[in-house]
Amino acid sequence: MERCFLGDRVLLGDGYLGPAALHVVDGKITSVVRQRAPPPPDVPVTDFGPLVVMPGLVDSHVHVNEPGRTEWEGFTSATRAAAAGGITTIVDMPLNSIPPTTTPENLAAKLDAAKDQCFVDVAFWGGVVPGNEACLRPLLEAGLPGFKCFLINSGVDEFPHVTADQVETALQRLCGTGAVLLFHAEVDIGVDPPGGDPKQYATFLASRPRKMENEAIKVVVEQCRKYGVRCHIVHLSSSDALEMIAECKSTGAPLTVETCNHYLTFQSVDIPDCATQYKCCPPIREEENREALWEAVKSGLIDLVVSDHSPCTLDLKQPGVMDFMEAWGGIASVQFDLPVFWTEAARRGLSLHDVSRLMSNNTSRLAGLQSRKGALRDGMDADFVVWDPDEEWTVAEEDIIFKNKISPYIGRRVRGRVHQTLVRGEVVFSDGQVVEVATGSQLLLGPPAAEPDAAKL
């Protein structure tokens, strides 16, 4: 079926933001006309008027947790929340589900759990854990674009961390595949247990110093340069590591880096006692650290911005009651990342094109989805976020669609409201309501055919 979508402010990949007509057949963009050109007779038209039309966001770091911990988050709730946030594709992390996505059999369990529950498209990362090196190639052949590993205790027993030797083994297996290895880049440096009040955020912050990240990133940089395999640092929080990241990239090594909105929005000094909704690992740090991360985002040294949506049940957080040392570490935010990021980005002089590059184009490239996601051009999926970047509103608990209504963004004033989200030309969210039928697809595309130039992300 052919359809036409018109808009006064359509964002295209070469810097264009203006009138355009997007022609779509069977969910794919077939042509883009840079004017409000009327379609042929009998072609249905949707006119978005003055709202901004951008490529749907691709969030490449989401913990869905189903099966096994579905009470934390499930595919239905996570993808409905994503749709409400203008996200048209998420990439599911291999933990904290049970079983984790570390073997072909476990992947089959994950796919079965997601079946008929996805309101947006979903791709999947695999995991590298001790002893599963023989599973890496079969998981790539099954359609996964890459893997995640931890260099420190992950927090769940079924996903143990790997040693430096095991990282090397994994990289050897991945040579020549085009796959990417994602690193939770913290290592145990023997920090003494903090002696402060566990109700105070400063006590938790002292337990996860920047050095834990910096030492881990040294390992990642060395291995990336040694093997030439795509390596990606997830949720960078330590600005101290930016210099070595820049040096590594300058050599042409295929290293990429992400950060998260909570590191770009909050600062440690403002976090109240027992406000465990802010706890994550690595932690939210000081104001000067936040500002240095922003400079790296603006310069392009940091390649992408994601949610790291890592929810849990209320009993594991208990904001205002439980202390920082005992609460689960993870922040729930997938629904609010576009307005949260834009609120701060616009104030710092970034453009809508920067938003799309950081949250659509580069995230899709990381996950091997660049041939169909992350841009509005011929041959791409007709995935759109339609929004007003100037509308201001306050995040309220009753707005939350993800399963457990715990988030540090509750009560925060933000700029930018999503009005509609379309996946392959079909509306999945419109003016506060998610559609009733789940029509999202499972994306099993496999890695790119050749190693990409990481600098082009």
Protein backbone atom coordinates (compact mmCIF):
# COMPACT_ATOMS: atom_id res chain seq x y z
CA MET A 1 0.00 0.00 0.00
CA GLU A 2 1.28 3.46 -0.92
CA ARG A 3 0.98 6.40 1.46
CA CYS A 4 2.28 9.96 1.57
CA PHE A 5 3.43 11.91 4.64
CA LEU A 6 3.79 15.68 4.47
CA GLY A 7 5.45 18.07 6.88
CA ASP A 8 6.68 21.65 7.14
CA ARG A 9 9.75 20.65 9.18
CA VAL A 10 11.13 17.31 8.03
CA LEU A 11 14.69 16.55 9.09
CA LEU A 12 16.88 14.87 6.48
CA GLY A 13 20.42 13.61 6.89
CA ASP A 14 22.33 16.31 4.97
CA GLY A 15 21.34 19.20 7.22
CA TYR A 16 17.98 19.88 5.63
CA LEU A 17 15.06 20.84 7.86
CA GLY A 18 12.10 22.05 5.88
CA PRO A 19 9.05 21.11 3.83
CA ALA A 20 9.05 17.59 2.44
CA ALA A 21 6.90 14.75 1.22
CA LEU A 22 7.80 11.21 2.22
CA HIS A 23 6.37 8.53 -0.03
CA VAL A 24 6.00 5.11 1.58
CA VAL A 25 5.12 1.74 0.09
CA ASP A 26 4.70 -1.33 2.30
CA GLY A 27 6.46 0.34 5.20
CA LYS A 28 9.52 1.50 3.23
CA ILE A 29 10.38 5.01 2.09
CA THR A 30 10.37 5.00 -1.71
CA SER A 31 11.07 8.69 -2.34
CA VAL A 32 11.71 11.95 -0.53
CA VAL A 33 10.63 15.20 -2.17
CA ARG A 34 11.91 18.45 -0.64
CA GLN A 35 8.65 20.31 -0.92
CA ARG A 36 5.05 19.76 0.06
CA ALA A 37 4.38 17.99 -3.25
CA PRO A 38 0.90 16.49 -3.49
CA PRO A 39 0.82 12.73 -4.10
CA PRO A 40 -0.88 11.02 -7.03
CA PRO A 41 -4.67 10.70 -6.82
CA ASP A 42 -6.07 8.11 -4.43
CA VAL A 43 -2.88 7.96 -2.32
CA PRO A 44 -3.74 8.51 1.38
CA VAL A 45 -2.04 11.58 2.86
CA THR A 46 -1.02 12.33 6.45
CA ASP A 47 -0.05 15.96 7.06
CA PHE A 48 2.05 16.64 10.16
CA GLY A 49 1.97 20.39 9.62
CA PRO A 50 4.47 22.40 11.70
CA LEU A 51 5.55 19.52 13.95
CA VAL A 52 9.11 18.27 13.47
CA VAL A 53 9.39 14.91 11.67
CA MET A 54 12.63 13.06 12.42
CA PRO A 55 13.92 9.51 12.02
CA GLY A 56 12.59 7.38 14.86
CA LEU A 57 15.03 7.05 17.71
CA VAL A 58 17.05 3.85 18.09
CA ASP A 59 17.92 3.12 21.72
CA SER A 60 20.76 0.60 21.62
CA HIS A 61 20.94 0.07 25.40
CA VAL A 62 17.73 -1.22 27.01
CA HIS A 63 17.31 -3.94 29.65
CA VAL A 64 13.95 -5.61 29.09
CA ASN A 65 14.55 -8.47 31.62
CA GLU A 66 12.04 -10.90 30.11
CA PRO A 67 11.97 -13.86 30.56
CA GLY A 68 12.90 -14.54 34.17
CA ARG A 69 12.57 -11.08 35.69
CA THR A 70 9.49 -9.89 33.87
CA GLU A 71 8.26 -8.25 37.06
CA TRP A 72 11.15 -5.80 36.58
CA GLU A 73 10.30 -5.07 32.94
CA GLY A 74 8.74 -6.98 30.06
CA PHE A 75 8.59 -6.57 26.31
CA THR A 76 5.05 -5.21 26.36
CA SER A 77 5.71 -2.48 28.92
CA ALA A 78 9.20 -1.58 27.66
CA THR A 79 8.22 -1.25 24.01
CA ARG A 80 5.03 0.66 24.77
CA ALA A 81 7.10 3.12 26.80
CA ALA A 82 9.63 3.35 23.98
CA ALA A 83 6.85 4.14 21.50
CA ALA A 84 5.61 6.93 23.75
CA GLY A 85 9.13 8.36 23.74
CA GLY A 86 9.57 8.47 19.98
CA ILE A 87 11.77 5.36 19.95
CA THR A 88 11.02 3.05 17.04
CA THR A 89 13.71 0.44 17.74
CA ILE A 90 15.31 -0.80 20.94
CA VAL A 91 18.26 -3.18 21.29
CA ASP A 92 17.82 -5.49 24.26
CA MET A 93 20.76 -6.20 26.56
CA PRO A 94 21.63 -9.85 27.31
CA LEU A 95 21.04 -9.43 31.06
CA ASN A 96 19.08 -9.24 33.47
CA SER A 97 16.77 -11.82 31.96
CA ILE A 98 16.89 -15.46 32.99
CA PRO A 99 18.35 -17.07 31.03
CA PRO A 100 20.74 -14.42 29.71
CA THR A 101 21.32 -14.24 25.96
CA THR A 102 24.61 -16.16 25.98
CA THR A 103 23.82 -19.31 23.97
CA PRO A 104 21.68 -20.09 20.90
CA GLU A 105 19.23 -21.93 23.18
CA ASN A 106 18.94 -18.91 25.45
CA LEU A 107 18.42 -16.64 22.45
CA ALA A 108 15.55 -18.89 21.38
CA ALA A 109 13.99 -18.46 24.83
CA LYS A 110 14.36 -14.67 24.51
CA LEU A 111 12.76 -14.60 21.07
CA ASP A 112 9.90 -16.78 22.24
CA ALA A 113 9.29 -14.46 25.19
CA ALA A 114 9.21 -11.40 22.91
CA LYS A 115 6.87 -12.93 20.35
CA ASP A 116 3.69 -10.88 19.75
CA GLN A 117 4.58 -8.47 22.58
CA CYS A 118 6.62 -5.77 20.82
CA PHE A 119 5.07 -2.40 20.00
CA VAL A 120 8.28 -1.17 18.35
CA ASP A 121 11.02 -3.13 16.60
CA VAL A 122 13.49 -4.99 18.81
CA ALA A 123 17.03 -6.20 18.13
CA PHE A 124 19.17 -8.15 20.57
CA TRP A 125 22.72 -8.14 21.93
CA GLY A 126 24.38 -11.36 22.99
CA GLY A 127 26.59 -11.75 26.03
CA VAL A 128 30.19 -12.83 26.60
CA VAL A 129 30.62 -14.75 29.85
CA PRO A 130 33.26 -17.25 31.00
CA GLY A 131 33.07 -20.43 28.96
CA ASN A 132 30.70 -19.40 26.16
CA GLU A 133 33.30 -18.55 23.53
CA ALA A 134 32.13 -21.43 21.33
CA CYS A 135 28.66 -19.84 21.19
CA LEU A 136 29.77 -16.50 19.74
CA ARG A 137 29.89 -17.45 16.06
CA PRO A 138 26.58 -19.39 16.23
CA LEU A 139 24.92 -16.38 17.85
CA LEU A 140 26.24 -14.15 15.08
CA GLU A 141 24.91 -16.61 12.51
CA ALA A 142 21.55 -16.47 14.28
CA GLY A 143 21.41 -12.73 13.58
CA LEU A 144 22.95 -10.88 16.52
CA PRO A 145 25.13 -7.84 15.76
CA GLY A 146 27.47 -8.18 18.74
CA PHE A 147 27.98 -8.90 22.41
CA LYS A 148 28.30 -7.28 25.81
CA CYS A 149 30.67 -8.23 28.60
CA PHE A 150 31.37 -7.04 32.12
CA LEU A 151 34.85 -6.45 33.51
CA ILE A 152 33.40 -6.33 37.04
CA ASN A 153 30.62 -8.09 38.93
CA SER A 154 27.44 -7.54 36.92
CA GLY A 155 25.15 -7.70 39.93
CA VAL A 156 23.43 -10.92 38.80
CA ASP A 157 24.88 -14.38 39.30
CA GLU A 158 23.83 -15.77 35.92
CA PHE A 159 25.96 -13.21 34.01
CA PRO A 160 29.49 -13.40 35.50
CA HIS A 161 32.22 -10.99 34.46
CA VAL A 162 35.18 -11.95 32.29
CA THR A 163 38.92 -11.74 32.84
CA ALA A 164 41.40 -9.99 30.55
CA ASP A 165 42.36 -13.37 29.07
CA GLN A 166 38.72 -14.21 28.37
CA VAL A 167 38.28 -10.84 26.65
CA GLU A 168 41.20 -11.70 24.38
CA THR A 169 39.67 -15.08 23.57
CA ALA A 170 36.39 -13.40 22.62
CA LEU A 171 38.12 -10.83 20.44
CA GLN A 172 40.05 -13.58 18.67
CA ARG A 173 36.74 -15.33 17.91
CA LEU A 174 35.25 -12.08 16.59
CA CYS A 175 38.12 -11.08 14.30
CA GLY A 176 36.89 -10.57 10.76
CA THR A 177 33.19 -10.90 11.59
CA GLY A 178 32.30 -7.21 11.75
CA ALA A 179 30.70 -7.81 15.14
CA VAL A 180 31.12 -5.38 18.03
CA LEU A 181 32.07 -6.14 21.64
CA LEU A 182 30.46 -3.85 24.21
CA PHE A 183 32.20 -3.30 27.53
CA HIS A 184 30.82 -2.41 30.93
CA ALA A 185 34.10 -0.67 31.66
CA GLU A 186 34.74 -0.83 35.39
CA VAL A 187 37.28 -3.04 37.16
CA ASP A 188 37.77 -3.90 40.80
CA ILE A 189 40.70 -1.87 42.13
CA GLY A 190 40.34 -2.92 45.75
CA VAL A 191 38.48 0.11 47.03
CA ASP A 192 37.98 -0.09 50.78
CA PRO A 193 34.34 -0.16 51.92
CA PRO A 194 33.21 3.45 52.38
CA GLY A 195 32.96 4.57 55.96
CA GLY A 196 30.37 7.30 55.49
CA ASP A 197 26.63 7.33 55.99
CA PRO A 198 25.09 4.92 53.43
CA LYS A 199 22.05 7.18 53.19
CA GLN A 200 24.22 9.88 51.64
CA TYR A 201 24.99 9.76 47.94
CA ALA A 202 28.60 10.81 48.55
CA THR A 203 29.21 7.50 50.32
CA PHE A 204 28.09 5.50 47.30
CA LEU A 205 30.04 7.76 44.93
CA ALA A 206 33.21 7.11 46.93
CA SER A 207 32.69 3.38 46.47
CA ARG A 208 32.80 3.67 42.63
CA PRO A 209 35.65 6.15 41.92
CA ARG A 210 36.57 7.25 38.42
CA LYS A 211 39.72 5.14 38.60
CA MET A 212 37.60 1.99 38.29
CA GLU A 213 36.42 3.19 34.88
CA ASN A 214 39.74 4.66 33.82
CA GLU A 215 41.64 1.42 34.46
CA ALA A 216 39.01 -0.62 32.63
CA ILE A 217 39.07 1.71 29.63
CA LYS A 218 42.84 1.30 29.43
CA VAL A 219 42.23 -2.42 28.93
CA VAL A 220 39.57 -1.81 26.27
CA VAL A 221 41.79 0.63 24.38
CA GLU A 222 44.73 -1.79 24.39
CA GLN A 223 42.64 -4.71 23.15
CA CYS A 224 40.86 -2.65 20.51
CA ARG A 225 44.17 -1.52 19.06
CA LYS A 226 45.68 -5.00 19.28
CA TYR A 227 42.90 -6.92 17.53
CA GLY A 228 41.19 -4.28 15.39
CA VAL A 229 37.78 -5.60 16.40
CA ARG A 230 35.02 -3.06 16.93
CA CYS A 231 34.91 -2.20 20.63
CA HIS A 232 32.31 -0.03 22.32
CA ILE A 233 32.32 1.50 25.80
CA VAL A 234 28.83 1.60 27.28
CA HIS A 235 27.55 4.28 29.69
CA LEU A 236 30.74 6.33 30.04
CA SER A 237 30.59 8.40 33.20
CA SER A 238 34.24 9.32 33.90
CA SER A 239 35.43 12.35 31.97
CA ASP A 240 38.99 11.46 33.00
CA ALA A 241 38.99 8.76 30.32
CA LEU A 242 38.20 11.13 27.44
CA GLU A 243 41.84 11.88 26.67
CA MET A 244 42.80 8.22 26.21
CA ILE A 245 39.65 7.62 24.18
CA ALA A 246 40.56 10.50 21.88
CA GLU A 247 44.12 9.20 21.51
CA CYS A 248 42.86 5.72 20.65
CA LYS A 249 40.44 7.04 18.05
CA SER A 250 43.19 9.17 16.50
CA THR A 251 45.06 5.99 15.58
CA GLY A 252 42.08 4.73 13.57
CA ALA A 253 41.21 1.98 16.05
CA PRO A 254 37.49 1.02 15.76
CA LEU A 255 36.48 2.35 19.19
CA THR A 256 33.12 3.97 19.91
CA VAL A 257 31.66 5.39 23.10
CA GLU A 258 28.24 6.16 24.51
CA THR A 259 27.01 8.10 27.49
CA CYS A 260 23.58 8.39 29.09
CA ASN A 261 21.18 11.18 29.84
CA HIS A 262 21.50 10.76 33.60
CA TYR A 263 25.22 11.60 33.40
CA LEU A 264 24.43 14.63 31.22
CA THR A 265 21.54 15.88 33.35
CA PHE A 266 22.29 15.37 37.04
CA GLN A 267 25.20 16.16 39.34
CA SER A 268 26.13 14.31 42.48
CA VAL A 269 25.86 17.22 44.90
CA ASP A 270 22.12 17.62 44.20
CA ILE A 271 21.11 14.02 44.97
CA PRO A 272 19.21 13.85 48.29
CA ASP A 273 19.69 11.25 51.01
CA CYS A 274 18.13 7.88 50.18
CA ALA A 275 17.14 9.10 46.69
CA THR A 276 17.93 5.67 45.29
CA GLN A 277 16.12 6.38 42.02
CA TYR A 278 19.41 8.08 41.04
CA LYS A 279 21.64 5.08 41.78
CA CYS A 280 23.40 3.49 38.82
CA CYS A 281 26.76 1.92 38.05
CA PRO A 282 28.96 3.65 37.12
CA PRO A 283 27.57 6.53 39.15
CA ILE A 284 26.40 10.05 38.43
CA ARG A 285 29.39 12.28 39.19
CA GLU A 286 30.33 15.90 39.85
CA GLU A 287 29.30 19.03 37.91
CA GLU A 288 32.69 19.50 36.24
CA ASN A 289 32.60 15.88 35.12
CA ARG A 290 29.14 16.39 33.59
CA GLU A 291 30.28 19.49 31.71
CA ALA A 292 33.32 17.67 30.32
CA LEU A 293 31.04 14.90 29.04
CA TRP A 294 28.89 17.52 27.33
CA GLU A 295 31.94 18.96 25.59
CA ALA A 296 32.76 15.46 24.33
CA VAL A 297 29.20 15.03 23.08
CA LYS A 298 29.36 18.36 21.28
CA SER A 299 32.73 17.59 19.68
CA GLY A 300 31.67 14.12 18.53
CA LEU A 301 34.21 12.31 20.71
CA ILE A 302 31.23 10.62 22.39
CA ASP A 303 29.40 8.91 19.56
CA LEU A 304 25.92 8.31 20.92
CA VAL A 305 23.51 8.93 23.79
CA VAL A 306 21.28 6.14 25.11
CA SER A 307 19.02 5.43 28.07
CA ASP A 308 20.59 2.36 29.71
CA HIS A 309 17.02 1.73 30.83
CA SER A 310 17.65 -0.63 33.77
CA PRO A 311 14.51 -0.87 35.89
CA CYS A 312 13.65 -3.02 38.89
CA THR A 313 10.79 -3.58 41.29
CA LEU A 314 9.97 -1.12 44.06
CA ASP A 315 11.26 -3.39 46.82
CA LEU A 316 14.77 -3.22 45.35
CA LYS A 317 14.86 0.60 45.31
CA GLN A 318 12.43 1.96 47.92
CA PRO A 319 13.32 5.63 47.24
CA GLY A 320 13.39 7.63 50.44
CA VAL A 321 13.72 4.51 52.59
CA MET A 322 16.49 2.21 51.34
CA ASP A 323 20.09 3.45 51.48
CA PHE A 324 22.43 3.76 48.50
CA MET A 325 24.66 0.84 49.41
CA GLU A 326 21.86 -1.72 49.45
CA ALA A 327 19.55 -0.50 46.64
CA TRP A 328 19.63 -1.89 43.10
CA GLY A 329 21.74 0.18 40.72
CA GLY A 330 19.84 1.11 37.60
CA ILE A 331 17.87 4.05 36.18
CA ALA A 332 14.53 3.80 34.36
CA SER A 333 14.11 6.43 31.66
CA VAL A 334 13.47 4.98 28.18
CA GLN A 335 10.21 6.90 27.75
CA PHE A 336 11.68 10.34 28.45
CA ASP A 337 15.09 10.39 26.78
CA LEU A 338 14.22 12.62 23.83
CA PRO A 339 12.84 15.57 25.83
CA VAL A 340 15.39 15.11 28.61
CA PHE A 341 18.29 15.21 26.17
CA TRP A 342 16.86 18.04 24.08
CA THR A 343 16.22 20.19 27.16
CA GLU A 344 19.93 20.26 27.97
CA ALA A 345 21.24 19.97 24.39
CA ALA A 346 19.30 22.99 23.10
CA ARG A 347 20.58 25.10 25.99
CA ARG A 348 24.12 24.17 24.98
CA GLY A 349 23.68 25.03 21.31
CA LEU A 350 23.16 21.58 19.79
CA SER A 351 20.76 21.21 16.88
CA LEU A 352 18.00 18.81 15.96
CA HIS A 353 20.45 17.26 13.52
CA ASP A 354 22.78 16.57 16.45
CA VAL A 355 19.93 14.86 18.29
CA SER A 356 19.21 12.63 15.32
CA ARG A 357 22.90 11.83 14.80
CA LEU A 358 23.44 10.87 18.44
CA MET A 359 20.16 9.07 19.10
CA SER A 360 19.10 7.65 15.71
CA ASN A 361 21.85 7.43 13.13
CA ASN A 362 24.84 6.42 15.24
CA THR A 363 22.86 4.10 17.50
CA SER A 364 21.51 2.25 14.47
CA ARG A 365 25.02 1.94 13.06
CA LEU A 366 26.34 0.49 16.29
CA ALA A 367 23.75 -2.29 16.12
CA GLY A 368 24.20 -3.01 12.42
CA LEU A 369 20.81 -1.53 11.51
CA GLN A 370 22.02 1.37 9.34
CA SER A 371 20.62 -0.12 6.13
CA ARG A 372 17.05 0.32 7.39
CA LYS A 373 16.99 2.51 10.52
CA GLY A 374 18.17 5.94 11.62
CA ALA A 375 17.56 8.12 8.54
CA LEU A 376 14.81 9.35 6.23
CA ARG A 377 15.85 8.35 2.74
CA ASP A 378 14.91 5.97 -0.04
CA GLY A 379 14.89 2.33 0.99
CA MET A 380 14.75 2.94 4.74
CA ASP A 381 11.99 1.84 7.08
CA ALA A 382 9.34 4.55 7.45
CA ASP A 383 10.08 5.07 11.14
CA PHE A 384 9.20 8.59 12.33
CA VAL A 385 9.04 10.55 15.55
CA VAL A 386 6.71 13.52 15.21
CA TRP A 387 7.21 16.05 17.97
CA ASP A 388 7.18 19.64 19.13
CA PRO A 389 10.68 20.56 20.35
CA ASP A 390 9.41 23.79 21.96
CA GLU A 391 6.59 22.42 24.12
CA GLU A 392 7.45 22.36 27.82
CA TRP A 393 5.95 20.00 30.37
CA THR A 394 6.66 18.34 33.70
CA VAL A 395 7.23 14.58 33.94
CA ALA A 396 4.66 13.04 36.30
CA GLU A 397 4.40 9.55 37.72
CA GLU A 398 1.07 9.04 35.99
CA ASP A 399 2.81 9.60 32.62
CA ILE A 400 4.99 6.53 33.08
CA ILE A 401 4.22 3.55 30.86
CA PHE A 402 7.18 1.32 31.75
CA LYS A 403 6.33 -1.26 34.38
CA ASN A 404 7.75 0.12 37.64
CA LYS A 405 7.02 3.79 38.18
CA ILE A 406 10.44 4.74 39.57
CA SER A 407 12.56 7.37 37.83
CA PRO A 408 14.74 10.36 38.76
CA TYR A 409 12.93 12.36 36.06
CA ILE A 410 9.61 12.48 37.92
CA GLY A 411 8.90 16.14 38.66
CA ARG A 412 11.47 17.43 36.17
CA ARG A 413 10.54 20.20 33.74
CA VAL A 414 11.50 19.24 30.18
CA ARG A 415 11.30 20.71 26.71
CA GLY A 416 9.92 18.73 23.76
CA ARG A 417 6.84 16.52 23.55
CA VAL A 418 6.30 13.52 21.29
CA HIS A 419 2.96 13.70 19.48
CA GLN A 420 3.20 10.63 17.26
CA THR A 421 5.49 7.67 16.66
CA LEU A 422 5.29 5.59 13.49
CA VAL A 423 6.99 2.27 12.78
CA ARG A 424 7.16 1.29 9.10
CA GLY A 425 4.52 3.88 8.33
CA GLU A 426 2.02 2.72 10.94
CA VAL A 427 1.09 4.79 13.99
CA VAL A 428 2.11 3.10 17.25
CA PHE A 429 1.67 6.14 19.51
CA SER A 430 -0.51 9.20 19.07
CA ASP A 431 -1.20 12.07 21.49
CA GLY A 432 -0.81 10.13 24.70
CA GLN A 433 -2.08 6.74 23.60
CA VAL A 434 -0.22 3.61 22.49
CA VAL A 435 -2.00 1.46 19.91
CA GLU A 436 -3.74 -1.66 21.19
CA VAL A 437 -2.07 -4.23 18.92
CA ALA A 438 1.65 -5.06 19.08
CA THR A 439 3.04 -4.96 15.54
CA GLY A 440 6.78 -4.57 16.20
CA SER A 441 9.26 -6.96 14.61
CA GLN A 442 12.23 -8.91 15.93
CA LEU A 443 15.31 -7.76 14.04
CA LEU A 444 17.84 -10.51 13.42
CA LEU A 445 20.11 -8.95 10.87
CA GLY A 446 23.58 -10.09 11.85
CA PRO A 447 26.75 -7.97 11.74
CA PRO A 448 27.77 -5.78 8.78
CA ALA A 449 29.65 -7.51 6.00
CA ALA A 450 32.86 -5.61 6.61
CA GLU A 451 34.52 -3.76 9.47
CA PRO A 452 33.20 -0.16 9.40
CA ASP A 453 35.31 2.89 10.01
CA ALA A 454 34.42 3.71 13.62
CA ALA A 455 35.19 7.37 13.01
CA LYS A 456 32.19 7.51 10.66
CA LEU A 457 29.69 6.62 13.35
